[in-house]
Structures are given as structure tokens and as C-alpha cells.
Amino acid sequence: MKRMKALVCCAAAACLAMVLAGCSSQQSYTPPEKSATVSSPAIGKSGTLRVGVNAGSPPLAGSPSSSSKIVGIDVDVAAALADQLGLKLEIVDVGTDPEAALKEGKVDVAMGIGSESEVSFWRSPAYLPKGVALFSTSANATVPTKASSPKIAAQVSSTSSWQVTNEFGQDALVSENDLKSAFAALADGSAQYVAADAVIGMYAAHSGGYDAQIVALMQQPGGYCVGVLEANTELQAAVKDALAALTDGGIVSVIEKKWLGTDIDASSLPLTTGASSAKTDESKANGDGATSGDGSENAPAAEDDEEGNVEDNAGRNAVQPTA
């Protein structure tokens, strides 16, 4: 009997050792790198996807005050896109002229291209929604009408402020210098709603600590897309398939939640009575003198997250522009 117990104990010890060895092996396991799905001449640099971003457009792309490194939603999506294609990532700041960067061969793709923009290159399906939205901090907020005489805060000289006056009248507009001030007006009761681009507004609310949600869209929803040269059909197909995999697999949703606190499903949001196309609104706003600037909105600068490590998480394998 004692011999039998000893054998059982030895067998159990052997099994435990095997299990522990298996756990140790799993903990140190590194998944193999993906094979590149595109190569030259579809991309300009072997093994690397060169991605153009506008570093002056947080939360899509911007630099925290503590660093010159570019971070943002577009950088994270670009990093995931490069990984999906089995490539390394190189970030290039192309400012507000992605078209020139593509034509001159400085980048392979450009992020943050509005679906309503007039461009001469191919655009992917949208990976983020785009369009003027109405925000509220009230859980019981309803879609306003002109007859309800709402007070709506918006950044001065922006397309959003023009959209407010166009649909609800001049008396409805609570004009503010920036989105931070607009959400402060919402919080102190000076305004009932904030009008802003859906993504930029959600980022401003989230970074400012406001528990805001989108009540309705004031435009037919558009989107932010990836741009590729019209003639580069091989890269177009690869980008389209990779984005679909990232979207269907929930990766883009995770990135949205990181920067915005939530993901935005524009297809489920109601429209205001006067909602129109973003292209029409931008054209009218810039053509009738309603806006004195370029119609854009300024989100707060990209900042570190609660742990202060957003830079480590955003485009970890990205080569950044040199000074």
C-alpha cells in the first residue's frame, strides 16, 4: 500500500511538472510575424508601409505636450493596418496636403481622408464616422426642432456653427472659441446641446471628463477613409481587405474606445429634420461668408492617458518623422 501511494505521488508530481512546463511555455510564446501581403512596386519601401497623417488634427493625429511623437486614432489604425499586411510602419506628417504626398511618392497611403472631400485618388470604405452631431449630457435629451428654440454651443467660424444657424436660426447659436468652452457651456447650463464633428466632439467630451452622448446627426453620415493612388489597384485591394478584417474583428472599435471612451455607430443615430450632406454644408459654409476660417474644428491637443503611456500604445512599431 505504501509503495502504491508513493507511485501515485510520483505520477502526480510528474503531471504537475508537465502542466507547469506547459504554462511556462505559453507565457513565453511569441506569435510568428505575418508574411508581407504586398511588396514593391505597390509600396515604395520594401517591408514598410509609409502612412501619411495630418499631425495637426487630434484626435486623428497630434503630438502630446510632453513629446514630439505623433499619436492618435489614425496612428493606431495605421499600425493595425500595417500589421495586418505583414509590414512595418512609417508615419509621415503630410499636413493638409495628402494628395501631393501620394503623387510625389512620399507615402503609400494617407489616413483621415473625408468621404465628401474632392480628391483625385481612390478612397477606402470609411473606418470612422464623420459628420456634424449634436451632443448632450442629459440621458433624456431628445432631438431638437426649430420650434423648440434650443440653445446649441459650437466653435466659432466652424462648419458646425454654420449648420446650427442654417437649421435652427441665429438665436440658437451659443458661439464659443473652442470645443472645450462649448462643453463647459453645456455643463453649466448655458447651452442644451453642443454641435461638433462626431469623432472630434466625442474626443473633446471624453478628454474633458464630460459624460456626453450623441443625440442626433445634423448631416447625413460620411466617414474618414484611407487614400491610395488611383493607379495602385494592388494596394487598394489589400487595404480594403485589411480594413474589413480590422473592422469585423473589433480592432477599430477597441481603438475608438481608447480615444473616445466609446465606439460610434452612426447608422443607429437619428437625423435632425434639416440634415443634409456634408459636402453641401461645407460648400455653403465656405461660400456665403458664414465662416471666417477653413470650417474646421479644434479638438484639445492629444494627451497622455491615465497611465501616461499612450505613446507606448499608439503605433508601437511606427517610425516617426525626423525633425
C-alpha atoms as a PDB file:
ATOM      1  CA  MET A   1       0.000   0.000   0.000  1.00  0.00           C
ATOM      2  CA  LYS A   2       2.800   2.423   0.903  1.00  0.00           C
ATOM      3  CA  ARG A   3       4.526   1.579  -2.365  1.00  0.00           C
ATOM      4  CA  MET A   4       1.298   2.260  -4.284  1.00  0.00           C
ATOM      5  CA  LYS A   5       0.873   5.666  -2.578  1.00  0.00           C
ATOM      6  CA  ALA A   6       4.440   6.554  -3.427  1.00  0.00           C
ATOM      7  CA  LEU A   7       3.885   5.685  -7.085  1.00  0.00           C
ATOM      8  CA  VAL A   8       0.702   7.776  -7.186  1.00  0.00           C
ATOM      9  CA  CYS A   9       2.502  10.757  -5.641  1.00  0.00           C
ATOM     10  CA  CYS A  10       5.358  10.461  -8.124  1.00  0.00           C
ATOM     11  CA  ALA A  11       2.918  10.320 -11.037  1.00  0.00           C
ATOM     12  CA  ALA A  12       1.042  13.364  -9.744  1.00  0.00           C
ATOM     13  CA  ALA A  13       4.279  15.282  -9.346  1.00  0.00           C
ATOM     14  CA  ALA A  14       5.290  14.376 -12.865  1.00  0.00           C
ATOM     15  CA  CYS A  15       1.925  15.585 -14.252  1.00  0.00           C
ATOM     16  CA  LEU A  16       2.181  18.840 -12.297  1.00  0.00           C
ATOM     17  CA  ALA A  17       5.673  19.424 -13.669  1.00  0.00           C
ATOM     18  CA  MET A  18       4.381  18.887 -17.196  1.00  0.00           C
ATOM     19  CA  VAL A  19       1.500  21.320 -16.637  1.00  0.00           C
ATOM     20  CA  LEU A  20       3.814  23.962 -15.195  1.00  0.00           C
ATOM     21  CA  ALA A  21       6.196  23.474 -18.070  1.00  0.00           C
ATOM     22  CA  GLY A  22       3.281  23.946 -20.455  1.00  0.00           C
ATOM     23  CA  CYS A  23       2.212  27.169 -18.698  1.00  0.00           C
ATOM     24  CA  SER A  24       5.745  28.479 -18.776  1.00  0.00           C
ATOM     25  CA  SER A  25       5.953  27.708 -22.477  1.00  0.00           C
ATOM     26  CA  GLN A  26       2.686  29.562 -23.153  1.00  0.00           C
ATOM     27  CA  GLN A  27       3.796  32.626 -21.214  1.00  0.00           C
ATOM     28  CA  SER A  28       6.967  32.976 -23.267  1.00  0.00           C
ATOM     29  CA  TYR A  29       5.307  32.194 -26.595  1.00  0.00           C
ATOM     30  CA  THR A  30       5.773  34.842 -29.285  1.00  0.00           C
ATOM     31  CA  PRO A  31       3.449  34.620 -32.293  1.00  0.00           C
ATOM     32  CA  PRO A  32       5.233  34.418 -35.632  1.00  0.00           C
ATOM     33  CA  GLU A  33       5.415  37.554 -37.756  1.00  0.00           C
ATOM     34  CA  LYS A  34       2.950  37.708 -40.620  1.00  0.00           C
ATOM     35  CA  SER A  35       4.271  37.417 -44.129  1.00  0.00           C
ATOM     36  CA  ALA A  36       4.025  40.599 -46.172  1.00  0.00           C
ATOM     37  CA  THR A  37       0.973  40.587 -48.434  1.00  0.00           C
ATOM     38  CA  VAL A  38       2.175  43.482 -50.626  1.00  0.00           C
ATOM     39  CA  SER A  39       5.573  44.448 -51.941  1.00  0.00           C
ATOM     40  CA  SER A  40       7.248  46.785 -54.432  1.00  0.00           C
ATOM     41  CA  PRO A  41       6.038  48.418 -56.640  1.00  0.00           C
ATOM     42  CA  ALA A  42       2.729  48.514 -54.714  1.00  0.00           C
ATOM     43  CA  ILE A  43       4.660  50.071 -51.803  1.00  0.00           C
ATOM     44  CA  GLY A  44       7.692  52.333 -52.140  1.00  0.00           C
ATOM     45  CA  LYS A  45       9.890  50.826 -49.405  1.00  0.00           C
ATOM     46  CA  SER A  46      10.387  47.079 -49.063  1.00  0.00           C
ATOM     47  CA  GLY A  47       8.692  45.646 -45.951  1.00  0.00           C
ATOM     48  CA  THR A  48       7.351  49.020 -44.789  1.00  0.00           C
ATOM     49  CA  LEU A  49       4.011  50.804 -45.141  1.00  0.00           C
ATOM     50  CA  ARG A  50       4.565  54.569 -45.279  1.00  0.00           C
ATOM     51  CA  VAL A  51       1.446  56.250 -43.932  1.00  0.00           C
ATOM     52  CA  GLY A  52       0.620  59.941 -44.245  1.00  0.00           C
ATOM     53  CA  VAL A  53      -1.274  61.715 -41.449  1.00  0.00           C
ATOM     54  CA  ASN A  54      -2.109  65.312 -40.608  1.00  0.00           C
ATOM     55  CA  ALA A  55      -0.303  65.809 -37.297  1.00  0.00           C
ATOM     56  CA  GLY A  56      -2.337  68.936 -36.610  1.00  0.00           C
ATOM     57  CA  SER A  57      -5.689  67.174 -36.349  1.00  0.00           C
ATOM     58  CA  PRO A  58      -6.177  65.481 -32.960  1.00  0.00           C
ATOM     59  CA  PRO A  59      -7.636  63.079 -32.082  1.00  0.00           C
ATOM     60  CA  LEU A  60      -6.849  61.614 -35.518  1.00  0.00           C
ATOM     61  CA  ALA A  61      -3.189  62.611 -35.210  1.00  0.00           C
ATOM     62  CA  GLY A  62      -1.317  65.007 -32.949  1.00  0.00           C
ATOM     63  CA  SER A  63       1.575  65.324 -30.518  1.00  0.00           C
ATOM     64  CA  PRO A  64       1.234  65.337 -26.708  1.00  0.00           C
ATOM     65  CA  SER A  65       2.733  68.334 -24.935  1.00  0.00           C
ATOM     66  CA  SER A  66       5.395  66.070 -23.423  1.00  0.00           C
ATOM     67  CA  SER A  67       6.629  64.629 -26.724  1.00  0.00           C
ATOM     68  CA  SER A  68       7.070  65.273 -30.427  1.00  0.00           C
ATOM     69  CA  LYS A  69       5.890  61.764 -31.255  1.00  0.00           C
ATOM     70  CA  ILE A  70       2.694  61.645 -33.313  1.00  0.00           C
ATOM     71  CA  VAL A  71      -0.173  59.713 -31.707  1.00  0.00           C
ATOM     72  CA  GLY A  72      -3.873  59.360 -32.336  1.00  0.00           C
ATOM     73  CA  ILE A  73      -6.642  57.249 -33.807  1.00  0.00           C
ATOM     74  CA  ASP A  74      -5.141  57.350 -37.295  1.00  0.00           C
ATOM     75  CA  VAL A  75      -1.741  56.256 -35.981  1.00  0.00           C
ATOM     76  CA  ASP A  76      -3.292  53.314 -34.131  1.00  0.00           C
ATOM     77  CA  VAL A  77      -5.391  52.279 -37.137  1.00  0.00           C
ATOM     78  CA  ALA A  78      -2.315  52.650 -39.373  1.00  0.00           C
ATOM     79  CA  ALA A  79      -0.297  50.421 -37.007  1.00  0.00           C
ATOM     80  CA  ALA A  80      -3.037  47.780 -37.071  1.00  0.00           C
ATOM     81  CA  LEU A  81      -3.300  48.097 -40.859  1.00  0.00           C
ATOM     82  CA  ALA A  82       0.458  47.637 -41.334  1.00  0.00           C
ATOM     83  CA  ASP A  83       0.433  44.619 -39.018  1.00  0.00           C
ATOM     84  CA  GLN A  84      -2.495  43.111 -40.929  1.00  0.00           C
ATOM     85  CA  LEU A  85      -0.487  43.500 -44.153  1.00  0.00           C
ATOM     86  CA  GLY A  86       2.621  41.995 -42.552  1.00  0.00           C
ATOM     87  CA  LEU A  87       4.578  45.246 -42.840  1.00  0.00           C
ATOM     88  CA  LYS A  88       6.442  47.664 -40.587  1.00  0.00           C
ATOM     89  CA  LEU A  89       5.013  51.140 -40.192  1.00  0.00           C
ATOM     90  CA  GLU A  90       6.494  54.525 -41.006  1.00  0.00           C
ATOM     91  CA  ILE A  91       4.473  57.627 -40.049  1.00  0.00           C
ATOM     92  CA  VAL A  92       4.855  60.716 -42.245  1.00  0.00           C
ATOM     93  CA  ASP A  93       3.328  64.098 -41.398  1.00  0.00           C
ATOM     94  CA  VAL A  94       1.803  65.304 -44.680  1.00  0.00           C
ATOM     95  CA  GLY A  95      -0.128  68.188 -43.131  1.00  0.00           C
ATOM     96  CA  THR A  96      -3.209  69.223 -45.084  1.00  0.00           C
ATOM     97  CA  ASP A  97      -1.907  68.077 -48.485  1.00  0.00           C
ATOM     98  CA  PRO A  98      -2.078  64.266 -48.601  1.00  0.00           C
ATOM     99  CA  GLU A  99      -2.693  64.375 -52.349  1.00  0.00           C
ATOM    100  CA  ALA A 100       0.735  65.870 -53.066  1.00  0.00           C
ATOM    101  CA  ALA A 101       2.437  63.362 -50.758  1.00  0.00           C
ATOM    102  CA  LEU A 102       0.780  60.466 -52.599  1.00  0.00           C
ATOM    103  CA  LYS A 103       1.596  61.843 -56.061  1.00  0.00           C
ATOM    104  CA  GLU A 104       5.220  62.560 -55.124  1.00  0.00           C
ATOM    105  CA  GLY A 105       5.668  59.052 -53.714  1.00  0.00           C
ATOM    106  CA  LYS A 106       6.413  60.228 -50.178  1.00  0.00           C
ATOM    107  CA  VAL A 107       3.744  57.900 -48.753  1.00  0.00           C
ATOM    108  CA  ASP A 108       1.929  54.763 -49.851  1.00  0.00           C
ATOM    109  CA  VAL A 109      -1.388  55.618 -48.181  1.00  0.00           C
ATOM    110  CA  ALA A 110      -2.950  58.624 -46.444  1.00  0.00           C
ATOM    111  CA  MET A 111      -5.247  58.470 -43.415  1.00  0.00           C
ATOM    112  CA  GLY A 112      -8.150  60.698 -42.377  1.00  0.00           C
ATOM    113  CA  ILE A 113      -9.496  61.441 -45.866  1.00  0.00           C
ATOM    114  CA  GLY A 114     -13.079  62.709 -45.691  1.00  0.00           C
ATOM    115  CA  SER A 115     -15.541  60.783 -47.820  1.00  0.00           C
ATOM    116  CA  GLU A 116     -17.021  64.116 -49.010  1.00  0.00           C
ATOM    117  CA  SER A 117     -13.660  65.632 -49.993  1.00  0.00           C
ATOM    118  CA  GLU A 118     -12.847  66.468 -53.608  1.00  0.00           C
ATOM    119  CA  VAL A 119      -9.800  64.282 -54.367  1.00  0.00           C
ATOM    120  CA  SER A 120      -8.236  62.649 -57.409  1.00  0.00           C
ATOM    121  CA  PHE A 121      -7.234  59.418 -55.660  1.00  0.00           C
ATOM    122  CA  TRP A 122      -9.014  56.249 -54.515  1.00  0.00           C
ATOM    123  CA  ARG A 123     -10.667  56.152 -51.090  1.00  0.00           C
ATOM    124  CA  SER A 124     -11.360  53.087 -48.997  1.00  0.00           C
ATOM    125  CA  PRO A 125     -14.625  52.361 -47.197  1.00  0.00           C
ATOM    126  CA  ALA A 126     -14.800  54.518 -44.053  1.00  0.00           C
ATOM    127  CA  TYR A 127     -13.115  53.261 -40.891  1.00  0.00           C
ATOM    128  CA  LEU A 128     -14.539  56.104 -38.730  1.00  0.00           C
ATOM    129  CA  PRO A 129     -17.786  58.090 -38.981  1.00  0.00           C
ATOM    130  CA  LYS A 130     -17.745  61.749 -39.957  1.00  0.00           C
ATOM    131  CA  GLY A 131     -20.443  64.409 -39.743  1.00  0.00           C
ATOM    132  CA  VAL A 132     -21.796  67.176 -37.535  1.00  0.00           C
ATOM    133  CA  ALA A 133     -23.503  65.730 -34.456  1.00  0.00           C
ATOM    134  CA  LEU A 134     -25.479  67.122 -31.532  1.00  0.00           C
ATOM    135  CA  PHE A 135     -24.188  66.170 -28.070  1.00  0.00           C
ATOM    136  CA  SER A 136     -25.974  66.279 -24.719  1.00  0.00           C
ATOM    137  CA  THR A 137     -25.125  65.282 -21.150  1.00  0.00           C
ATOM    138  CA  SER A 138     -28.781  64.551 -20.365  1.00  0.00           C
ATOM    139  CA  ALA A 139     -29.914  60.950 -20.639  1.00  0.00           C
ATOM    140  CA  ASN A 140     -33.406  62.215 -21.511  1.00  0.00           C
ATOM    141  CA  ALA A 141     -32.356  64.571 -24.294  1.00  0.00           C
ATOM    142  CA  THR A 142     -34.499  64.441 -27.429  1.00  0.00           C
ATOM    143  CA  VAL A 143     -33.782  65.506 -30.999  1.00  0.00           C
ATOM    144  CA  PRO A 144     -34.413  69.283 -31.053  1.00  0.00           C
ATOM    145  CA  THR A 145     -36.535  71.101 -33.618  1.00  0.00           C
ATOM    146  CA  LYS A 146     -36.521  74.755 -34.598  1.00  0.00           C
ATOM    147  CA  ALA A 147     -39.858  75.195 -32.825  1.00  0.00           C
ATOM    148  CA  SER A 148     -38.300  74.022 -29.527  1.00  0.00           C
ATOM    149  CA  SER A 149     -35.876  77.007 -29.608  1.00  0.00           C
ATOM    150  CA  PRO A 150     -32.785  75.074 -28.497  1.00  0.00           C
ATOM    151  CA  LYS A 151     -29.535  76.656 -27.341  1.00  0.00           C
ATOM    152  CA  ILE A 152     -26.629  74.951 -29.116  1.00  0.00           C
ATOM    153  CA  ALA A 153     -22.966  75.694 -28.386  1.00  0.00           C
ATOM    154  CA  ALA A 154     -20.467  75.398 -31.257  1.00  0.00           C
ATOM    155  CA  GLN A 155     -16.969  76.563 -32.085  1.00  0.00           C
ATOM    156  CA  VAL A 156     -16.965  79.958 -33.753  1.00  0.00           C
ATOM    157  CA  SER A 157     -16.434  80.044 -37.547  1.00  0.00           C
ATOM    158  CA  SER A 158     -16.777  76.278 -37.918  1.00  0.00           C
ATOM    159  CA  THR A 159     -18.962  74.255 -40.256  1.00  0.00           C
ATOM    160  CA  SER A 160     -20.865  73.109 -37.152  1.00  0.00           C
ATOM    161  CA  SER A 161     -21.743  76.677 -36.147  1.00  0.00           C
ATOM    162  CA  TRP A 162     -22.940  77.373 -39.681  1.00  0.00           C
ATOM    163  CA  GLN A 163     -25.051  74.200 -39.587  1.00  0.00           C
ATOM    164  CA  VAL A 164     -26.690  75.361 -36.328  1.00  0.00           C
ATOM    165  CA  THR A 165     -27.675  78.774 -37.687  1.00  0.00           C
ATOM    166  CA  ASN A 166     -28.763  77.291 -41.003  1.00  0.00           C
ATOM    167  CA  GLU A 167     -31.170  74.815 -39.414  1.00  0.00           C
ATOM    168  CA  PHE A 168     -32.173  76.414 -36.119  1.00  0.00           C
ATOM    169  CA  GLY A 169     -31.548  80.150 -36.664  1.00  0.00           C
ATOM    170  CA  GLN A 170     -29.006  82.631 -35.345  1.00  0.00           C
ATOM    171  CA  ASP A 171     -30.695  82.845 -31.924  1.00  0.00           C
ATOM    172  CA  ALA A 172     -29.983  79.150 -31.319  1.00  0.00           C
ATOM    173  CA  LEU A 173     -26.210  79.517 -31.596  1.00  0.00           C
ATOM    174  CA  VAL A 174     -24.075  79.858 -28.457  1.00  0.00           C
ATOM    175  CA  SER A 175     -20.742  80.753 -30.065  1.00  0.00           C
ATOM    176  CA  GLU A 176     -17.588  79.586 -28.244  1.00  0.00           C
ATOM    177  CA  ASN A 177     -13.876  79.910 -29.008  1.00  0.00           C
ATOM    178  CA  ASP A 178     -13.248  76.150 -28.919  1.00  0.00           C
ATOM    179  CA  LEU A 179     -14.908  72.831 -28.147  1.00  0.00           C
ATOM    180  CA  LYS A 180     -13.616  72.797 -24.580  1.00  0.00           C
ATOM    181  CA  SER A 181     -15.561  76.003 -23.929  1.00  0.00           C
ATOM    182  CA  ALA A 182     -18.583  74.612 -25.786  1.00  0.00           C
ATOM    183  CA  PHE A 183     -18.784  71.592 -23.485  1.00  0.00           C
ATOM    184  CA  ALA A 184     -18.239  73.843 -20.464  1.00  0.00           C
ATOM    185  CA  ALA A 185     -21.292  75.840 -21.595  1.00  0.00           C
ATOM    186  CA  LEU A 186     -23.231  72.587 -21.834  1.00  0.00           C
ATOM    187  CA  ALA A 187     -22.159  71.644 -18.310  1.00  0.00           C
ATOM    188  CA  ASP A 188     -23.109  74.981 -16.731  1.00  0.00           C
ATOM    189  CA  GLY A 189     -26.490  75.146 -18.467  1.00  0.00           C
ATOM    190  CA  SER A 190     -25.644  77.967 -20.884  1.00  0.00           C
ATOM    191  CA  ALA A 191     -26.406  75.560 -23.712  1.00  0.00           C
ATOM    192  CA  GLN A 192     -28.585  72.482 -24.100  1.00  0.00           C
ATOM    193  CA  TYR A 193     -26.516  70.872 -26.842  1.00  0.00           C
ATOM    194  CA  VAL A 194     -23.069  71.026 -28.431  1.00  0.00           C
ATOM    195  CA  ALA A 195     -22.648  70.781 -32.200  1.00  0.00           C
ATOM    196  CA  ALA A 196     -19.382  69.265 -33.454  1.00  0.00           C
ATOM    197  CA  ASP A 197     -17.945  66.615 -35.717  1.00  0.00           C
ATOM    198  CA  ALA A 198     -18.940  63.256 -34.211  1.00  0.00           C
ATOM    199  CA  VAL A 199     -15.394  61.985 -33.610  1.00  0.00           C
ATOM    200  CA  ILE A 200     -13.800  65.305 -32.637  1.00  0.00           C
ATOM    201  CA  GLY A 201     -16.699  66.183 -30.348  1.00  0.00           C
ATOM    202  CA  MET A 202     -16.667  62.805 -28.628  1.00  0.00           C
ATOM    203  CA  TYR A 203     -12.917  63.130 -28.048  1.00  0.00           C
ATOM    204  CA  ALA A 204     -13.336  66.638 -26.608  1.00  0.00           C
ATOM    205  CA  ALA A 205     -16.072  65.417 -24.254  1.00  0.00           C
ATOM    206  CA  HIS A 206     -14.137  62.313 -23.186  1.00  0.00           C
ATOM    207  CA  SER A 207     -10.848  64.142 -22.596  1.00  0.00           C
ATOM    208  CA  GLY A 208     -12.698  66.889 -20.705  1.00  0.00           C
ATOM    209  CA  GLY A 209     -14.443  64.409 -18.410  1.00  0.00           C
ATOM    210  CA  TYR A 210     -17.965  65.165 -19.676  1.00  0.00           C
ATOM    211  CA  ASP A 211     -20.438  62.276 -19.740  1.00  0.00           C
ATOM    212  CA  ALA A 212     -21.864  63.260 -23.110  1.00  0.00           C
ATOM    213  CA  GLN A 213     -23.533  61.243 -25.824  1.00  0.00           C
ATOM    214  CA  ILE A 214     -24.646  61.915 -29.382  1.00  0.00           C
ATOM    215  CA  VAL A 215     -28.348  62.726 -29.613  1.00  0.00           C
ATOM    216  CA  ALA A 216     -28.600  63.104 -33.395  1.00  0.00           C
ATOM    217  CA  LEU A 217     -26.652  63.823 -36.566  1.00  0.00           C
ATOM    218  CA  MET A 218     -27.122  67.144 -38.352  1.00  0.00           C
ATOM    219  CA  GLN A 219     -25.632  65.706 -41.553  1.00  0.00           C
ATOM    220  CA  GLN A 220     -26.012  62.513 -43.491  1.00  0.00           C
ATOM    221  CA  PRO A 221     -23.161  60.404 -42.066  1.00  0.00           C
ATOM    222  CA  GLY A 222     -19.930  60.300 -44.016  1.00  0.00           C
ATOM    223  CA  GLY A 223     -16.617  58.867 -42.944  1.00  0.00           C
ATOM    224  CA  TYR A 224     -12.848  59.063 -42.615  1.00  0.00           C
ATOM    225  CA  CYS A 225     -11.161  56.897 -45.260  1.00  0.00           C
ATOM    226  CA  VAL A 226      -7.731  55.705 -46.403  1.00  0.00           C
ATOM    227  CA  GLY A 227      -6.426  57.235 -49.619  1.00  0.00           C
ATOM    228  CA  VAL A 228      -4.349  55.376 -52.241  1.00  0.00           C
ATOM    229  CA  LEU A 229      -3.233  56.455 -55.716  1.00  0.00           C
ATOM    230  CA  GLU A 230      -5.878  55.680 -58.352  1.00  0.00           C
ATOM    231  CA  ALA A 231      -3.484  53.561 -60.427  1.00  0.00           C
ATOM    232  CA  ASN A 232      -2.302  51.422 -57.481  1.00  0.00           C
ATOM    233  CA  THR A 233      -5.054  48.804 -57.651  1.00  0.00           C
ATOM    234  CA  GLU A 234      -2.985  46.140 -55.875  1.00  0.00           C
ATOM    235  CA  LEU A 235      -2.569  48.263 -52.751  1.00  0.00           C
ATOM    236  CA  GLN A 236      -6.196  49.389 -52.931  1.00  0.00           C
ATOM    237  CA  ALA A 237      -7.420  45.782 -52.769  1.00  0.00           C
ATOM    238  CA  ALA A 238      -5.004  44.940 -49.935  1.00  0.00           C
ATOM    239  CA  VAL A 239      -6.047  47.991 -47.875  1.00  0.00           C
ATOM    240  CA  LYS A 240      -9.753  47.317 -48.430  1.00  0.00           C
ATOM    241  CA  ASP A 241      -9.440  43.685 -47.288  1.00  0.00           C
ATOM    242  CA  ALA A 242      -7.243  44.585 -44.306  1.00  0.00           C
ATOM    243  CA  LEU A 243      -9.622  47.326 -43.108  1.00  0.00           C
ATOM    244  CA  ALA A 244     -12.575  44.943 -43.394  1.00  0.00           C
ATOM    245  CA  ALA A 245     -10.712  42.405 -41.245  1.00  0.00           C
ATOM    246  CA  LEU A 246      -9.850  45.061 -38.634  1.00  0.00           C
ATOM    247  CA  THR A 247     -13.427  46.347 -38.531  1.00  0.00           C
ATOM    248  CA  ASP A 248     -15.103  42.930 -38.458  1.00  0.00           C
ATOM    249  CA  GLY A 249     -12.598  41.695 -35.882  1.00  0.00           C
ATOM    250  CA  GLY A 250     -13.369  44.575 -33.500  1.00  0.00           C
ATOM    251  CA  ILE A 251      -9.892  46.140 -33.636  1.00  0.00           C
ATOM    252  CA  VAL A 252     -11.130  49.523 -34.865  1.00  0.00           C
ATOM    253  CA  SER A 253     -13.804  49.500 -32.147  1.00  0.00           C
ATOM    254  CA  VAL A 254     -11.138  48.955 -29.481  1.00  0.00           C
ATOM    255  CA  ILE A 255      -9.135  51.899 -30.858  1.00  0.00           C
ATOM    256  CA  GLU A 256     -12.249  54.126 -30.814  1.00  0.00           C
ATOM    257  CA  LYS A 257     -12.970  53.226 -27.185  1.00  0.00           C
ATOM    258  CA  LYS A 258      -9.392  54.013 -26.221  1.00  0.00           C
ATOM    259  CA  TRP A 259      -9.549  57.559 -27.593  1.00  0.00           C
ATOM    260  CA  LEU A 260     -13.269  58.390 -27.420  1.00  0.00           C
ATOM    261  CA  GLY A 261     -14.487  56.332 -24.480  1.00  0.00           C
ATOM    262  CA  THR A 262     -16.931  54.543 -26.795  1.00  0.00           C
ATOM    263  CA  ASP A 263     -17.300  53.418 -30.365  1.00  0.00           C
ATOM    264  CA  ILE A 264     -19.675  55.363 -32.613  1.00  0.00           C
ATOM    265  CA  ASP A 265     -22.326  53.574 -34.656  1.00  0.00           C
ATOM    266  CA  ALA A 266     -23.526  56.333 -36.972  1.00  0.00           C
ATOM    267  CA  SER A 267     -26.026  54.028 -38.680  1.00  0.00           C
ATOM    268  CA  SER A 268     -28.095  53.816 -35.471  1.00  0.00           C
ATOM    269  CA  LEU A 269     -28.292  57.578 -34.836  1.00  0.00           C
ATOM    270  CA  PRO A 270     -31.358  59.666 -35.769  1.00  0.00           C
ATOM    271  CA  LEU A 271     -31.110  62.685 -38.064  1.00  0.00           C
ATOM    272  CA  THR A 272     -32.361  66.192 -37.384  1.00  0.00           C
ATOM    273  CA  THR A 273     -35.123  67.462 -39.661  1.00  0.00           C
ATOM    274  CA  GLY A 274     -32.746  69.608 -41.693  1.00  0.00           C
ATOM    275  CA  ALA A 275     -29.899  67.106 -42.003  1.00  0.00           C
ATOM    276  CA  SER A 276     -28.149  67.370 -45.366  1.00  0.00           C
ATOM    277  CA  SER A 277     -24.962  66.131 -46.993  1.00  0.00           C
ATOM    278  CA  ALA A 278     -21.605  67.181 -45.532  1.00  0.00           C
ATOM    279  CA  LYS A 279     -20.377  68.190 -48.986  1.00  0.00           C
ATOM    280  CA  THR A 280     -23.290  70.591 -49.484  1.00  0.00           C
ATOM    281  CA  ASP A 281     -22.910  72.087 -45.998  1.00  0.00           C
ATOM    282  CA  GLU A 282     -19.177  72.665 -46.374  1.00  0.00           C
ATOM    283  CA  SER A 283     -19.653  74.305 -49.756  1.00  0.00           C
ATOM    284  CA  LYS A 284     -22.360  76.649 -48.471  1.00  0.00           C
ATOM    285  CA  ALA A 285     -20.490  77.483 -45.274  1.00  0.00           C
ATOM    286  CA  ASN A 286     -17.352  78.467 -47.153  1.00  0.00           C
ATOM    287  CA  GLY A 287     -19.222  80.229 -49.924  1.00  0.00           C
ATOM    288  CA  ASP A 288     -21.650  82.523 -48.118  1.00  0.00           C
ATOM    289  CA  GLY A 289     -19.227  84.108 -45.664  1.00  0.00           C
ATOM    290  CA  ALA A 290     -20.687  82.262 -42.691  1.00  0.00           C
ATOM    291  CA  THR A 291     -17.268  81.020 -41.687  1.00  0.00           C
ATOM    292  CA  SER A 292     -14.151  83.132 -41.490  1.00  0.00           C
ATOM    293  CA  GLY A 293     -11.709  80.206 -41.233  1.00  0.00           C
ATOM    294  CA  ASP A 294     -11.479  76.890 -43.039  1.00  0.00           C
ATOM    295  CA  GLY A 295     -14.562  75.475 -41.356  1.00  0.00           C
ATOM    296  CA  SER A 296     -12.556  73.039 -39.250  1.00  0.00           C
ATOM    297  CA  GLU A 297     -12.887  72.422 -35.527  1.00  0.00           C
ATOM    298  CA  ASN A 298     -10.093  72.341 -32.980  1.00  0.00           C
ATOM    299  CA  ALA A 299     -10.072  69.417 -30.586  1.00  0.00           C
ATOM    300  CA  PRO A 300      -7.949  69.531 -27.431  1.00  0.00           C
ATOM    301  CA  ALA A 301      -4.329  68.546 -28.061  1.00  0.00           C
ATOM    302  CA  ALA A 302      -3.522  64.844 -27.878  1.00  0.00           C
ATOM    303  CA  GLU A 303      -2.593  63.992 -24.299  1.00  0.00           C
ATOM    304  CA  ASP A 304      -1.291  61.006 -22.381  1.00  0.00           C
ATOM    305  CA  ASP A 305      -3.827  58.547 -20.960  1.00  0.00           C
ATOM    306  CA  GLU A 306      -4.376  57.894 -17.243  1.00  0.00           C
ATOM    307  CA  GLU A 307      -1.219  55.767 -17.002  1.00  0.00           C
ATOM    308  CA  GLY A 308       0.739  58.281 -19.075  1.00  0.00           C
ATOM    309  CA  ASN A 309       1.652  55.609 -21.625  1.00  0.00           C
ATOM    310  CA  VAL A 310      -0.471  56.453 -24.617  1.00  0.00           C
ATOM    311  CA  GLU A 311       2.663  56.989 -26.680  1.00  0.00           C
ATOM    312  CA  ASP A 312       3.788  53.429 -25.999  1.00  0.00           C
ATOM    313  CA  ASN A 313       0.418  52.078 -27.117  1.00  0.00           C
ATOM    314  CA  ALA A 314      -0.026  54.168 -30.248  1.00  0.00           C
ATOM    315  CA  GLY A 315       1.751  52.786 -33.277  1.00  0.00           C
ATOM    316  CA  ARG A 316       4.379  50.951 -31.252  1.00  0.00           C
ATOM    317  CA  ASN A 317       6.161  49.740 -34.392  1.00  0.00           C
ATOM    318  CA  ALA A 318       5.908  53.106 -36.155  1.00  0.00           C
ATOM    319  CA  VAL A 319       8.921  55.006 -37.451  1.00  0.00           C
ATOM    320  CA  GLN A 320       8.240  58.663 -36.669  1.00  0.00           C
ATOM    321  CA  PRO A 321       9.165  61.708 -38.763  1.00  0.00           C
ATOM    322  CA  THR A 322      12.566  63.205 -38.069  1.00  0.00           C
ATOM    323  CA  ALA A 323      12.900  66.856 -37.045  1.00  0.00           C
END
